[in-house]
Amino acid sequence: MPTKTEEQLMKHLRISDGTAQFSTDDDEWTDIEKISKDDILKLVDLALNSDFELDAYEKEKILNPAQDIIYRNIVEKMGDLISKRDRFKDESNQFYAEAIQKYRIS
């Protein structure tokens, strides 16, 4: 039985039956080579603001060379973004805290 943490994780990038896929809603999966700029922006937003799960890149599991290149690059960038997520949030909060303090009405 999955734990509460496992239930909350939403997978957005996966490798299924030799095909690299993405989902922005955890319901409909689309082949990765059909990803648009808007889809990437939505994935970035999800990675920054929610639990974000993805299948690790494994070259031998992706049959299509174009999908392999796209998936590898997206997984690398998302992994980097996720690892820096807390730092981004802390820096943003600190930046806005200073502005709030400066303009707060007493």
N, C-alpha and C. Protein backbone atom coordinates (compact mmCIF):
# COMPACT_ATOMS: atom_id res chain seq x y z
N MET A 1 0.85 -1.19 0.00
CA MET A 1 0.00 0.00 0.00
C MET A 1 0.89 1.24 0.00
N PRO A 2 0.66 2.20 -0.91
CA PRO A 2 1.52 3.37 -0.97
C PRO A 2 1.32 4.27 0.24
N THR A 3 2.39 4.95 0.62
CA THR A 3 2.30 5.91 1.72
C THR A 3 1.68 7.19 1.20
N LYS A 4 1.33 8.08 2.11
CA LYS A 4 0.71 9.35 1.72
C LYS A 4 1.63 10.13 0.79
N THR A 5 2.93 10.14 1.07
CA THR A 5 3.87 10.86 0.23
C THR A 5 3.89 10.28 -1.18
N GLU A 6 3.89 8.96 -1.30
CA GLU A 6 3.90 8.34 -2.62
C GLU A 6 2.63 8.64 -3.39
N GLU A 7 1.49 8.73 -2.69
CA GLU A 7 0.23 9.03 -3.35
C GLU A 7 0.21 10.44 -3.91
N GLN A 8 0.90 11.38 -3.26
CA GLN A 8 0.89 12.77 -3.67
C GLN A 8 1.81 13.04 -4.86
N LEU A 9 2.80 12.20 -5.07
CA LEU A 9 3.71 12.40 -6.18
C LEU A 9 2.97 12.20 -7.49
N MET A 10 3.21 13.10 -8.41
CA MET A 10 2.57 13.01 -9.70
C MET A 10 3.66 12.87 -10.76
N LYS A 11 3.61 11.82 -11.53
CA LYS A 11 4.61 11.58 -12.55
C LYS A 11 4.26 12.41 -13.79
N HIS A 12 5.28 13.09 -14.33
CA HIS A 12 5.08 13.93 -15.50
C HIS A 12 5.93 13.53 -16.70
N LEU A 13 6.97 12.75 -16.47
CA LEU A 13 7.83 12.25 -17.55
C LEU A 13 8.04 10.76 -17.33
N ARG A 14 7.82 9.99 -18.38
CA ARG A 14 7.99 8.54 -18.22
C ARG A 14 8.47 7.91 -19.52
N ILE A 15 8.95 6.68 -19.35
CA ILE A 15 9.30 5.84 -20.49
C ILE A 15 8.39 4.62 -20.40
N SER A 16 7.58 4.44 -21.43
CA SER A 16 6.61 3.35 -21.42
C SER A 16 6.66 2.60 -22.75
N ASP A 17 6.94 1.33 -22.68
CA ASP A 17 7.00 0.47 -23.88
C ASP A 17 7.91 1.05 -24.96
N GLY A 18 9.09 1.53 -24.56
CA GLY A 18 10.07 2.06 -25.51
C GLY A 18 9.81 3.47 -25.98
N THR A 19 8.77 4.11 -25.44
CA THR A 19 8.39 5.45 -25.87
C THR A 19 8.54 6.44 -24.72
N ALA A 20 9.19 7.57 -24.96
CA ALA A 20 9.31 8.65 -23.98
C ALA A 20 8.05 9.51 -24.06
N GLN A 21 7.45 9.78 -22.91
CA GLN A 21 6.20 10.52 -22.88
C GLN A 21 6.19 11.56 -21.78
N PHE A 22 5.28 12.53 -21.92
CA PHE A 22 5.08 13.53 -20.88
C PHE A 22 3.59 13.71 -20.62
N SER A 23 3.29 14.25 -19.43
CA SER A 23 1.92 14.57 -19.08
C SER A 23 1.93 15.82 -18.22
N THR A 24 1.06 16.74 -18.52
CA THR A 24 0.95 17.95 -17.69
C THR A 24 -0.23 17.85 -16.73
N ASP A 25 -1.02 16.78 -16.85
CA ASP A 25 -2.19 16.65 -15.98
C ASP A 25 -2.30 15.28 -15.31
N ASP A 26 -1.31 14.41 -15.47
CA ASP A 26 -1.29 13.06 -14.90
C ASP A 26 -2.46 12.21 -15.39
N ASP A 27 -3.04 12.60 -16.51
CA ASP A 27 -4.16 11.85 -17.05
C ASP A 27 -3.88 11.41 -18.49
N GLU A 28 -3.50 12.36 -19.31
CA GLU A 28 -3.24 12.09 -20.73
C GLU A 28 -1.74 12.12 -20.99
N TRP A 29 -1.21 11.08 -21.60
CA TRP A 29 0.20 10.98 -21.92
C TRP A 29 0.41 11.22 -23.41
N THR A 30 1.45 12.01 -23.74
CA THR A 30 1.76 12.38 -25.12
C THR A 30 3.22 12.05 -25.40
N ASP A 31 3.50 11.57 -26.62
CA ASP A 31 4.89 11.30 -27.00
C ASP A 31 5.71 12.57 -26.88
N ILE A 32 6.92 12.43 -26.36
CA ILE A 32 7.77 13.58 -26.01
C ILE A 32 8.12 14.46 -27.21
N GLU A 33 8.18 13.90 -28.42
CA GLU A 33 8.56 14.73 -29.57
C GLU A 33 7.44 15.71 -29.95
N LYS A 34 6.26 15.55 -29.37
CA LYS A 34 5.14 16.46 -29.64
C LYS A 34 5.04 17.58 -28.61
N ILE A 35 6.04 17.68 -27.73
CA ILE A 35 6.01 18.69 -26.67
C ILE A 35 6.14 20.09 -27.27
N SER A 36 5.37 21.02 -26.75
CA SER A 36 5.40 22.40 -27.22
C SER A 36 6.06 23.30 -26.17
N LYS A 37 6.30 24.53 -26.55
CA LYS A 37 6.86 25.51 -25.61
C LYS A 37 5.92 25.66 -24.41
N ASP A 38 4.63 25.72 -24.66
CA ASP A 38 3.66 25.86 -23.57
C ASP A 38 3.68 24.65 -22.64
N ASP A 39 3.86 23.46 -23.20
CA ASP A 39 3.96 22.25 -22.38
C ASP A 39 5.19 22.31 -21.49
N ILE A 40 6.30 22.75 -22.05
CA ILE A 40 7.54 22.86 -21.27
C ILE A 40 7.37 23.86 -20.14
N LEU A 41 6.75 25.01 -20.43
CA LEU A 41 6.52 26.01 -19.39
C LEU A 41 5.62 25.45 -18.29
N LYS A 42 4.62 24.68 -18.66
CA LYS A 42 3.74 24.08 -17.66
C LYS A 42 4.50 23.06 -16.80
N LEU A 43 5.36 22.28 -17.43
CA LEU A 43 6.18 21.32 -16.68
C LEU A 43 7.13 22.04 -15.72
N VAL A 44 7.71 23.14 -16.17
CA VAL A 44 8.58 23.93 -15.29
C VAL A 44 7.80 24.45 -14.09
N ASP A 45 6.61 24.98 -14.35
CA ASP A 45 5.76 25.47 -13.27
C ASP A 45 5.43 24.34 -12.29
N LEU A 46 5.08 23.18 -12.81
CA LEU A 46 4.78 22.03 -11.95
C LEU A 46 6.01 21.61 -11.14
N ALA A 47 7.16 21.63 -11.76
CA ALA A 47 8.40 21.24 -11.07
C ALA A 47 8.73 22.21 -9.95
N LEU A 48 8.41 23.48 -10.14
CA LEU A 48 8.72 24.48 -9.12
C LEU A 48 7.69 24.53 -8.00
N ASN A 49 6.46 24.13 -8.29
CA ASN A 49 5.39 24.36 -7.33
C ASN A 49 4.69 23.12 -6.80
N SER A 50 5.15 21.94 -7.18
CA SER A 50 4.49 20.72 -6.69
C SER A 50 5.49 19.58 -6.67
N ASP A 51 5.02 18.45 -6.14
CA ASP A 51 5.85 17.25 -6.20
C ASP A 51 5.88 16.79 -7.65
N PHE A 52 7.06 16.51 -8.12
CA PHE A 52 7.27 16.23 -9.54
C PHE A 52 8.09 14.96 -9.64
N GLU A 53 7.54 13.96 -10.29
CA GLU A 53 8.25 12.69 -10.44
C GLU A 53 8.50 12.43 -11.92
N LEU A 54 9.62 11.80 -12.20
CA LEU A 54 9.96 11.45 -13.58
C LEU A 54 10.74 10.16 -13.60
N ASP A 55 10.66 9.46 -14.71
CA ASP A 55 11.47 8.26 -14.90
C ASP A 55 12.89 8.71 -15.25
N ALA A 56 13.87 8.09 -14.65
CA ALA A 56 15.26 8.40 -14.96
C ALA A 56 15.54 8.09 -16.42
N TYR A 57 16.46 8.85 -17.00
CA TYR A 57 16.85 8.64 -18.39
C TYR A 57 17.64 7.34 -18.50
N GLU A 58 17.20 6.47 -19.39
CA GLU A 58 17.92 5.23 -19.70
C GLU A 58 17.88 5.05 -21.21
N LYS A 59 19.00 5.34 -21.83
CA LYS A 59 19.10 5.33 -23.29
C LYS A 59 18.56 4.05 -23.93
N GLU A 60 18.88 2.91 -23.33
CA GLU A 60 18.50 1.64 -23.93
C GLU A 60 16.99 1.38 -23.88
N LYS A 61 16.25 2.14 -23.09
CA LYS A 61 14.80 1.94 -23.00
C LYS A 61 14.01 2.75 -24.01
N ILE A 62 14.63 3.77 -24.63
CA ILE A 62 13.92 4.63 -25.58
C ILE A 62 14.33 4.21 -26.99
N LEU A 63 13.37 3.77 -27.78
CA LEU A 63 13.65 3.21 -29.10
C LEU A 63 13.82 4.27 -30.18
N ASN A 64 13.13 5.37 -30.10
CA ASN A 64 13.17 6.42 -31.11
C ASN A 64 14.33 7.39 -30.80
N PRO A 65 15.29 7.57 -31.72
CA PRO A 65 16.44 8.46 -31.45
C PRO A 65 16.05 9.91 -31.15
N ALA A 66 15.02 10.43 -31.82
CA ALA A 66 14.58 11.80 -31.56
C ALA A 66 14.01 11.92 -30.15
N GLN A 67 13.21 10.95 -29.76
CA GLN A 67 12.66 10.95 -28.40
C GLN A 67 13.77 10.84 -27.37
N ASP A 68 14.78 10.04 -27.68
CA ASP A 68 15.91 9.86 -26.77
C ASP A 68 16.59 11.20 -26.49
N ILE A 69 16.87 11.97 -27.52
CA ILE A 69 17.55 13.26 -27.37
C ILE A 69 16.68 14.24 -26.58
N ILE A 70 15.42 14.33 -26.96
CA ILE A 70 14.51 15.27 -26.29
C ILE A 70 14.32 14.89 -24.83
N TYR A 71 14.06 13.63 -24.56
CA TYR A 71 13.83 13.18 -23.19
C TYR A 71 15.06 13.40 -22.32
N ARG A 72 16.23 13.04 -22.85
CA ARG A 72 17.47 13.21 -22.09
C ARG A 72 17.66 14.66 -21.69
N ASN A 73 17.48 15.58 -22.63
CA ASN A 73 17.68 16.99 -22.34
C ASN A 73 16.65 17.53 -21.34
N ILE A 74 15.41 17.14 -21.49
CA ILE A 74 14.38 17.62 -20.56
C ILE A 74 14.61 17.06 -19.16
N VAL A 75 14.95 15.78 -19.07
CA VAL A 75 15.21 15.18 -17.75
C VAL A 75 16.40 15.86 -17.07
N GLU A 76 17.46 16.15 -17.82
CA GLU A 76 18.62 16.84 -17.25
C GLU A 76 18.23 18.22 -16.71
N LYS A 77 17.50 18.97 -17.52
CA LYS A 77 17.11 20.34 -17.11
C LYS A 77 16.12 20.30 -15.95
N MET A 78 15.16 19.41 -15.98
CA MET A 78 14.19 19.32 -14.89
C MET A 78 14.86 18.87 -13.60
N GLY A 79 15.78 17.93 -13.71
CA GLY A 79 16.51 17.49 -12.52
C GLY A 79 17.29 18.62 -11.89
N ASP A 80 17.94 19.43 -12.71
CA ASP A 80 18.67 20.59 -12.22
C ASP A 80 17.73 21.59 -11.57
N LEU A 81 16.62 21.85 -12.22
CA LEU A 81 15.63 22.79 -11.70
C LEU A 81 15.07 22.31 -10.36
N ILE A 82 14.72 21.06 -10.28
CA ILE A 82 14.16 20.51 -9.04
C ILE A 82 15.18 20.58 -7.91
N SER A 83 16.45 20.31 -8.22
CA SER A 83 17.47 20.36 -7.18
C SER A 83 17.69 21.78 -6.65
N LYS A 84 17.36 22.77 -7.46
CA LYS A 84 17.53 24.17 -7.05
C LYS A 84 16.22 24.82 -6.61
N ARG A 85 15.14 24.07 -6.62
CA ARG A 85 13.81 24.61 -6.32
C ARG A 85 13.76 25.32 -4.97
N ASP A 86 14.27 24.71 -3.93
CA ASP A 86 14.21 25.32 -2.61
C ASP A 86 15.00 26.61 -2.54
N ARG A 87 16.15 26.63 -3.20
CA ARG A 87 16.95 27.86 -3.22
C ARG A 87 16.20 28.98 -3.93
N PHE A 88 15.55 28.67 -5.07
CA PHE A 88 14.76 29.67 -5.80
C PHE A 88 13.66 30.23 -4.91
N LYS A 89 12.95 29.35 -4.21
CA LYS A 89 11.85 29.80 -3.35
C LYS A 89 12.37 30.68 -2.22
N ASP A 90 13.48 30.27 -1.59
CA ASP A 90 14.05 31.06 -0.51
C ASP A 90 14.49 32.44 -0.99
N GLU A 91 15.13 32.49 -2.15
CA GLU A 91 15.58 33.77 -2.70
C GLU A 91 14.39 34.65 -3.06
N SER A 92 13.35 34.08 -3.63
CA SER A 92 12.15 34.85 -3.97
C SER A 92 11.47 35.39 -2.72
N ASN A 93 11.33 34.53 -1.72
CA ASN A 93 10.70 34.97 -0.47
C ASN A 93 11.49 36.08 0.19
N GLN A 94 12.81 35.97 0.17
CA GLN A 94 13.66 37.00 0.76
C GLN A 94 13.52 38.32 -0.02
N PHE A 95 13.52 38.23 -1.33
CA PHE A 95 13.40 39.42 -2.17
C PHE A 95 12.08 40.14 -1.90
N TYR A 96 10.99 39.37 -1.90
CA TYR A 96 9.68 39.98 -1.69
C TYR A 96 9.46 40.40 -0.25
N ALA A 97 10.08 39.72 0.71
CA ALA A 97 9.95 40.12 2.11
C ALA A 97 10.52 41.52 2.31
N GLU A 98 11.64 41.80 1.67
CA GLU A 98 12.23 43.13 1.77
C GLU A 98 11.30 44.18 1.16
N ALA A 99 10.70 43.89 0.02
CA ALA A 99 9.78 44.83 -0.63
C ALA A 99 8.53 45.03 0.22
N ILE A 100 8.01 43.94 0.79
CA ILE A 100 6.82 44.05 1.65
C ILE A 100 7.11 44.91 2.85
N GLN A 101 8.25 44.70 3.48
CA GLN A 101 8.63 45.51 4.64
C GLN A 101 8.77 46.98 4.28
N LYS A 102 9.34 47.24 3.13
CA LYS A 102 9.58 48.61 2.70
C LYS A 102 8.27 49.36 2.44
N TYR A 103 7.29 48.69 1.83
CA TYR A 103 6.06 49.35 1.44
C TYR A 103 4.86 49.06 2.35
N ARG A 104 5.11 48.36 3.44
CA ARG A 104 4.01 48.03 4.35
C ARG A 104 3.47 49.30 5.00
N ILE A 105 2.16 49.37 5.06
CA ILE A 105 1.51 50.51 5.71
C ILE A 105 1.42 50.20 7.19
N SER A 106 1.94 51.08 7.99
CA SER A 106 1.93 50.86 9.45
C SER A 106 0.62 51.25 10.07
